[in-house]
C-alpha atoms as a PDB file:
ATOM      1  CA  MET A   1     149.013  23.753 -57.812  1.00  0.00           C
ATOM      2  CA  VAL A   2     150.422  26.979 -56.414  1.00  0.00           C
ATOM      3  CA  LYS A   3     150.718  27.268 -52.619  1.00  0.00           C
ATOM      4  CA  ILE A   4     148.310  29.903 -51.272  1.00  0.00           C
ATOM      5  CA  HIS A   5     149.607  32.188 -48.415  1.00  0.00           C
ATOM      6  CA  THR A   6     147.930  31.750 -45.018  1.00  0.00           C
ATOM      7  CA  ARG A   7     146.295  35.257 -45.116  1.00  0.00           C
ATOM      8  CA  ALA A   8     144.752  34.363 -48.513  1.00  0.00           C
ATOM      9  CA  LYS A   9     143.422  31.105 -47.184  1.00  0.00           C
ATOM     10  CA  ARG A  10     141.746  32.858 -44.302  1.00  0.00           C
ATOM     11  CA  LYS A  11     140.288  35.434 -46.651  1.00  0.00           C
ATOM     12  CA  LEU A  12     138.997  32.803 -49.029  1.00  0.00           C
ATOM     13  CA  LYS A  13     137.831  30.469 -46.214  1.00  0.00           C
ATOM     14  CA  MET A  14     139.779  27.650 -47.602  1.00  0.00           C
ATOM     15  CA  GLN A  15     141.036  26.333 -44.272  1.00  0.00           C
ATOM     16  CA  GLY A  16     139.489  22.962 -44.529  1.00  0.00           C
ATOM     17  CA  VAL A  17     138.878  20.993 -41.412  1.00  0.00           C
ATOM     18  CA  THR A  18     139.180  22.913 -38.233  1.00  0.00           C
ATOM     19  CA  GLY A  19     139.508  21.677 -34.657  1.00  0.00           C
ATOM     20  CA  ARG A  20     140.227  18.263 -33.296  1.00  0.00           C
ATOM     21  CA  LYS A  21     137.960  15.305 -33.952  1.00  0.00           C
ATOM     22  CA  ARG A  22     139.041  13.220 -30.953  1.00  0.00           C
ATOM     23  CA  ALA A  23     137.121  12.015 -27.998  1.00  0.00           C
ATOM     24  CA  SER A  24     137.894  13.579 -24.625  1.00  0.00           C
ATOM     25  CA  ARG A  25     139.946  11.513 -22.328  1.00  0.00           C
ATOM     26  CA  PRO A  26     139.449  10.995 -18.464  1.00  0.00           C
ATOM     27  CA  LYS A  27     141.306  13.400 -16.264  1.00  0.00           C
ATOM     28  CA  THR A  28     144.388  11.914 -14.650  1.00  0.00           C
ATOM     29  CA  PHE A  29     146.440  12.977 -11.596  1.00  0.00           C
ATOM     30  CA  LYS A  30     149.948  12.554 -10.480  1.00  0.00           C
ATOM     31  CA  THR A  31     149.346  12.252  -6.851  1.00  0.00           C
ATOM     32  CA  LYS A  32     146.552  10.589  -4.688  1.00  0.00           C
ATOM     33  CA  LYS A  33     146.134  13.858  -2.766  1.00  0.00           C
ATOM     34  CA  SER A  34     145.398  15.940  -5.899  1.00  0.00           C
ATOM     35  CA  ALA A  35     142.860  13.306  -7.016  1.00  0.00           C
ATOM     36  CA  GLU A  36     141.020  13.433  -3.769  1.00  0.00           C
ATOM     37  CA  THR A  37     140.966  17.232  -3.634  1.00  0.00           C
ATOM     38  CA  TYR A  38     139.612  17.273  -7.191  1.00  0.00           C
ATOM     39  CA  ALA A  39     136.818  14.927  -6.286  1.00  0.00           C
ATOM     40  CA  GLU A  40     136.033  16.883  -3.166  1.00  0.00           C
ATOM     41  CA  GLU A  41     135.866  20.251  -5.208  1.00  0.00           C
ATOM     42  CA  LYS A  42     133.551  18.562  -7.802  1.00  0.00           C
ATOM     43  CA  GLY A  43     131.252  17.092  -5.108  1.00  0.00           C
ATOM     44  CA  ILE A  44     131.896  13.384  -6.029  1.00  0.00           C
ATOM     45  CA  LYS A  45     130.971  11.420  -2.942  1.00  0.00           C
ATOM     46  CA  SER A  46     131.578   7.811  -3.907  1.00  0.00           C
ATOM     47  CA  TYR A  47     134.616   7.192  -6.083  1.00  0.00           C
ATOM     48  CA  GLU A  48     137.478   4.780  -6.534  1.00  0.00           C
ATOM     49  CA  LEU A  49     141.075   5.639  -7.447  1.00  0.00           C
ATOM     50  CA  VAL A  50     142.329   3.651 -10.352  1.00  0.00           C
ATOM     51  CA  TYR A  51     146.132   3.480 -10.826  1.00  0.00           C
ATOM     52  CA  LEU A  52     146.862   3.535 -14.551  1.00  0.00           C
ATOM     53  CA  GLN A  53     150.560   3.769 -14.573  1.00  0.00           C
ATOM     54  CA  GLU A  54     153.323   4.442 -12.048  1.00  0.00           C
ATOM     55  CA  ASN A  55     152.568   8.197 -11.967  1.00  0.00           C
ATOM     56  CA  LYS A  56     148.954   8.411 -13.191  1.00  0.00           C
ATOM     57  CA  ILE A  57     145.802   8.012 -11.217  1.00  0.00           C
ATOM     58  CA  ARG A  58     142.210   8.338 -12.406  1.00  0.00           C
ATOM     59  CA  ILE A  59     138.905   8.843 -10.500  1.00  0.00           C
ATOM     60  CA  GLN A  60     136.251   6.280 -11.221  1.00  0.00           C
ATOM     61  CA  LYS A  61     132.746   7.001 -10.062  1.00  0.00           C
ATOM     62  CA  LYS A  62     130.879   4.158  -8.416  1.00  0.00           C
END
């Protein structure tokens, strides 16, 4: 089968699957301070900081 140029694909609407089909992941932070300021901005009152790796922190709502 002959390869169709990109402009022709768009014109013929032969793009196939568009977008990502992946579940969203929880937001992570590099520092404790940045996680706390994010929680404060979003109005999260009760939360717990979960240390995922050496340099990743996640906020878990209680």
